[in-house]
Amino acid sequence: MDGIAQNIFGDTRSGSLAGPLGLLIIVLLAIGTVLLVRNMNKRIKRLPERFPSQEPPDSDSSPAPGS
C-alpha cells in the first residue's frame, strides 16, 4: 500500500438512504406508541370501579385451608 486508505465498503455517496429511513422508522414507531398509550388510557378510564360479578374481599368468607 502506498499510504492511500482503501475503501472496502463500496460506494458510500450514492443512494445513502439508511440514515433518513432509520429516522423515519423511529419517528413512526414513536408516534404509534404515543397513540397506543393515549388509546389505552381512555379505555382504562371508561372501566367501572368494580365489575358486577366482583365481590369485595372479606376475611370471614375465605375458604379454610385444605378444603
C-alpha atoms as a PDB file:
ATOM      1  CA  MET A   1       0.000   0.000   0.000  1.00  0.00           C
ATOM      2  CA  ASP A   2       1.284   3.394  -0.866  1.00  0.00           C
ATOM      3  CA  GLY A   3      -0.280   5.405   2.002  1.00  0.00           C
ATOM      4  CA  ILE A   4      -3.761   5.823   0.472  1.00  0.00           C
ATOM      5  CA  ALA A   5      -6.685   4.474   2.515  1.00  0.00           C
ATOM      6  CA  GLN A   6      -8.623   1.915   0.555  1.00  0.00           C
ATOM      7  CA  ASN A   7     -12.418   1.966   0.665  1.00  0.00           C
ATOM      8  CA  ILE A   8     -13.649  -1.594   1.270  1.00  0.00           C
ATOM      9  CA  PHE A   9     -17.257  -0.624   1.939  1.00  0.00           C
ATOM     10  CA  GLY A  10     -18.250   0.232  -1.608  1.00  0.00           C
ATOM     11  CA  ASP A  11     -19.696   3.493  -2.841  1.00  0.00           C
ATOM     12  CA  THR A  12     -20.776   5.465   0.227  1.00  0.00           C
ATOM     13  CA  ARG A  13     -22.235   8.518  -1.527  1.00  0.00           C
ATOM     14  CA  SER A  14     -24.891   7.374  -3.989  1.00  0.00           C
ATOM     15  CA  GLY A  15     -28.142   6.047  -2.583  1.00  0.00           C
ATOM     16  CA  SER A  16     -27.340   6.773   1.053  1.00  0.00           C
ATOM     17  CA  LEU A  17     -30.866   6.265   2.362  1.00  0.00           C
ATOM     18  CA  ALA A  18     -30.177   4.302   5.556  1.00  0.00           C
ATOM     19  CA  GLY A  19     -29.988   7.344   7.861  1.00  0.00           C
ATOM     20  CA  PRO A  20     -33.200   9.070   6.778  1.00  0.00           C
ATOM     21  CA  LEU A  21     -35.064   5.763   6.506  1.00  0.00           C
ATOM     22  CA  GLY A  22     -33.980   4.759  10.015  1.00  0.00           C
ATOM     23  CA  LEU A  23     -35.102   8.122  11.351  1.00  0.00           C
ATOM     24  CA  LEU A  24     -38.468   7.740   9.629  1.00  0.00           C
ATOM     25  CA  ILE A  25     -38.979   4.289  11.145  1.00  0.00           C
ATOM     26  CA  ILE A  26     -38.082   5.542  14.640  1.00  0.00           C
ATOM     27  CA  VAL A  27     -40.450   8.521  14.313  1.00  0.00           C
ATOM     28  CA  LEU A  28     -43.286   6.274  13.092  1.00  0.00           C
ATOM     29  CA  LEU A  29     -42.726   3.859  15.984  1.00  0.00           C
ATOM     30  CA  ALA A  30     -42.740   6.743  18.475  1.00  0.00           C
ATOM     31  CA  ILE A  31     -45.980   8.139  17.026  1.00  0.00           C
ATOM     32  CA  GLY A  32     -47.579   4.681  17.131  1.00  0.00           C
ATOM     33  CA  THR A  33     -46.527   4.209  20.751  1.00  0.00           C
ATOM     34  CA  VAL A  34     -47.960   7.583  21.781  1.00  0.00           C
ATOM     35  CA  LEU A  35     -51.262   6.824  20.052  1.00  0.00           C
ATOM     36  CA  LEU A  36     -51.484   3.373  21.676  1.00  0.00           C
ATOM     37  CA  VAL A  37     -50.807   4.789  25.147  1.00  0.00           C
ATOM     38  CA  ARG A  38     -53.448   7.501  24.697  1.00  0.00           C
ATOM     39  CA  ASN A  39     -55.998   4.948  23.458  1.00  0.00           C
ATOM     40  CA  MET A  40     -55.369   2.570  26.361  1.00  0.00           C
ATOM     41  CA  ASN A  41     -55.611   5.410  28.899  1.00  0.00           C
ATOM     42  CA  LYS A  42     -59.029   6.357  27.502  1.00  0.00           C
ATOM     43  CA  ARG A  43     -60.192   2.745  27.719  1.00  0.00           C
ATOM     44  CA  ILE A  44     -58.926   2.320  31.282  1.00  0.00           C
ATOM     45  CA  LYS A  45     -60.721   5.492  32.406  1.00  0.00           C
ATOM     46  CA  ARG A  46     -64.008   4.144  30.983  1.00  0.00           C
ATOM     47  CA  LEU A  47     -63.821   0.917  33.018  1.00  0.00           C
ATOM     48  CA  PRO A  48     -66.121   0.704  36.045  1.00  0.00           C
ATOM     49  CA  GLU A  49     -64.626   0.827  39.523  1.00  0.00           C
ATOM     50  CA  ARG A  50     -65.956  -2.654  40.265  1.00  0.00           C
ATOM     51  CA  PHE A  51     -67.404  -5.261  37.971  1.00  0.00           C
ATOM     52  CA  PRO A  52     -70.845  -6.745  38.803  1.00  0.00           C
ATOM     53  CA  SER A  53     -69.522 -10.259  39.473  1.00  0.00           C
ATOM     54  CA  GLN A  54     -66.686  -8.989  41.642  1.00  0.00           C
ATOM     55  CA  GLU A  55     -67.269  -9.353  45.370  1.00  0.00           C
ATOM     56  CA  PRO A  56     -65.465  -7.263  47.964  1.00  0.00           C
ATOM     57  CA  PRO A  57     -62.735  -9.240  49.746  1.00  0.00           C
ATOM     58  CA  ASP A  58     -63.907 -10.484  53.144  1.00  0.00           C
ATOM     59  CA  SER A  59     -61.612 -12.174  55.622  1.00  0.00           C
ATOM     60  CA  ASP A  60     -64.603 -14.134  57.050  1.00  0.00           C
ATOM     61  CA  SER A  61     -65.677 -15.777  53.778  1.00  0.00           C
ATOM     62  CA  SER A  62     -62.271 -17.121  52.804  1.00  0.00           C
ATOM     63  CA  PRO A  63     -62.222 -20.915  52.499  1.00  0.00           C
ATOM     64  CA  ALA A  64     -60.401 -22.908  55.108  1.00  0.00           C
ATOM     65  CA  PRO A  65     -57.046 -24.357  54.070  1.00  0.00           C
ATOM     66  CA  GLY A  66     -57.319 -27.897  52.805  1.00  0.00           C
ATOM     67  CA  SER A  67     -60.980 -27.599  51.775  1.00  0.00           C
END
